[in-house]
Protein backbone atom coordinates (compact mmCIF):
# COMPACT_ATOMS: atom_id res chain seq x y z
CA UNK A 1 -31.28 30.71 -67.98
CA UNK A 2 -35.04 30.49 -67.30
CA UNK A 3 -36.27 27.03 -68.23
CA UNK A 4 -39.61 25.26 -68.17
CA UNK A 5 -39.93 21.49 -68.13
CA UNK A 6 -43.12 19.73 -69.17
CA UNK A 7 -44.26 16.22 -68.27
CA UNK A 8 -41.41 15.19 -65.99
CA UNK A 9 -41.57 12.22 -63.65
CA UNK A 10 -40.97 12.62 -59.93
CA UNK A 11 -37.71 10.68 -60.21
CA UNK A 12 -36.41 12.82 -63.09
CA UNK A 13 -37.56 15.94 -61.25
CA UNK A 14 -35.31 15.06 -58.31
CA UNK A 15 -32.38 14.21 -60.58
CA UNK A 16 -32.80 17.45 -62.51
CA UNK A 17 -32.82 19.51 -59.31
CA UNK A 18 -29.65 17.79 -58.09
CA UNK A 19 -27.85 18.24 -61.41
CA UNK A 20 -28.93 21.87 -61.72
CA UNK A 21 -27.59 22.98 -58.34
CA UNK A 22 -29.73 26.13 -58.57
CA UNK A 23 -27.77 27.33 -61.62
CA UNK A 24 -30.76 27.69 -63.96
CA UNK A 25 -34.17 28.89 -62.85
CA UNK A 26 -36.29 25.84 -63.65
CA UNK A 27 -40.07 25.68 -63.56
CA UNK A 28 -41.51 22.16 -63.42
CA UNK A 29 -44.88 21.29 -64.92
CA UNK A 30 -45.88 17.66 -64.37
CA UNK A 31 -48.54 17.83 -67.09
CA UNK A 32 -47.76 17.54 -70.81
CA UNK A 33 -47.45 20.61 -73.02
CA UNK A 34 -50.93 21.59 -74.22
CA UNK A 35 -53.09 24.63 -74.89
CA UNK A 36 -53.91 24.61 -71.17
CA UNK A 37 -50.28 24.58 -70.02
CA UNK A 38 -48.40 26.46 -72.73
CA UNK A 39 -48.83 29.84 -70.99
CA UNK A 40 -46.42 28.73 -68.25
CA UNK A 41 -43.63 29.12 -70.82
CA UNK A 42 -44.03 32.89 -71.05
CA UNK A 43 -40.82 34.80 -70.19
CA UNK A 44 -38.69 31.63 -70.36
CA UNK A 45 -35.57 31.08 -72.47
CA UNK A 46 -35.80 27.32 -72.93
CA UNK A 47 -38.40 24.59 -72.92
CA UNK A 48 -37.84 20.91 -72.21
CA UNK A 49 -40.54 18.45 -73.19
CA UNK A 50 -40.23 14.93 -71.83
CA UNK A 51 -42.09 11.88 -73.16
CA UNK A 52 -44.97 13.84 -74.67
CA UNK A 53 -47.68 11.32 -75.49
CA UNK A 54 -49.54 13.48 -78.01
CA UNK A 55 -48.28 15.34 -81.03
CA UNK A 56 -46.88 18.76 -80.22
CA UNK A 57 -48.82 20.86 -82.71
CA UNK A 58 -47.26 23.50 -84.89
CA UNK A 59 -49.56 25.98 -83.20
CA UNK A 60 -47.99 25.19 -79.81
CA UNK A 61 -44.48 25.53 -81.25
CA UNK A 62 -45.37 28.90 -82.79
CA UNK A 63 -46.86 30.00 -79.49
CA UNK A 64 -43.67 29.02 -77.62
CA UNK A 65 -41.58 30.93 -80.15
CA UNK A 66 -43.86 33.97 -79.74
CA UNK A 67 -43.19 33.82 -75.98
CA UNK A 68 -39.47 34.21 -76.70
CA UNK A 69 -38.39 30.59 -76.30
CA UNK A 70 -35.00 30.28 -78.01
CA UNK A 71 -34.00 26.76 -77.01
CA UNK A 72 -35.87 23.47 -77.18
CA UNK A 73 -34.97 20.08 -75.74
CA UNK A 74 -37.16 17.13 -76.62
CA UNK A 75 -36.51 13.94 -74.63
CA UNK A 76 -38.42 10.94 -75.94
CA UNK A 77 -37.90 7.21 -76.00
CA UNK A 78 -38.87 7.09 -79.66
CA UNK A 79 -39.21 9.63 -82.47
CA UNK A 80 -40.18 13.05 -81.14
CA UNK A 81 -43.81 13.94 -81.94
CA UNK A 82 -42.92 17.42 -83.15
CA UNK A 83 -42.15 19.12 -86.45
CA UNK A 84 -38.72 20.65 -85.78
CA UNK A 85 -38.62 22.39 -89.18
CA UNK A 86 -40.46 25.35 -87.61
CA UNK A 87 -37.72 25.69 -85.00
CA UNK A 88 -35.02 25.33 -87.65
CA UNK A 89 -36.67 27.92 -89.91
CA UNK A 90 -36.79 30.37 -87.00
CA UNK A 91 -33.03 29.91 -86.51
CA UNK A 92 -33.46 28.64 -82.96
CA UNK A 93 -31.53 25.88 -81.22
CA UNK A 94 -32.97 22.50 -80.39
CA UNK A 95 -31.90 18.99 -79.58
CA UNK A 96 -33.90 15.80 -79.72
CA UNK A 97 -32.82 13.10 -77.28
CA UNK A 98 -34.23 9.68 -78.05
CA UNK A 99 -31.85 7.70 -75.87
CA UNK A 100 -33.76 6.96 -72.67
CA UNK A 101 -30.51 5.97 -70.96
CA UNK A 102 -29.11 9.48 -71.33
CA UNK A 103 -28.81 10.89 -67.86
CA UNK A 104 -31.01 13.83 -66.93
CA UNK A 105 -27.82 15.63 -65.86
CA UNK A 106 -26.87 15.79 -69.54
CA UNK A 107 -29.78 18.18 -70.03
CA UNK A 108 -28.13 20.62 -67.62
CA UNK A 109 -24.87 20.33 -69.59
CA UNK A 110 -26.75 21.20 -72.78
CA UNK A 111 -28.34 24.24 -71.10
CA UNK A 112 -24.92 25.31 -69.77
CA UNK A 113 -23.40 25.10 -73.25
CA UNK A 114 -26.23 27.10 -74.82
CA UNK A 115 -25.96 29.74 -72.11
CA UNK A 116 -22.22 30.11 -72.75
CA UNK A 117 -22.78 30.42 -76.50
CA UNK A 118 -25.04 33.47 -76.06
């Protein structure tokens, strides 16, 4: 699966690489998802957004969907700043993780499960 991760810390980046074991092709963007960075998601299957400080606009979600993104993972310490109804209405899969203690390796398990379900 081709995955893009936005706004990941250096520590989580290392943990994600170790957990992935080169199974999924992961692109890391240290900046948050924005109009300036959204184009990196083109030709990807899944997007992971970590601790986004600003609201993820509906326009950005629609743009990601138009790129062919089928899976969304939102990892936040509090309520995710995104309207997931757009993703639901499009019939796409998503998960919102608000538990900051959840290991980054769990994200790889979620991607593995989604890949098997295709």
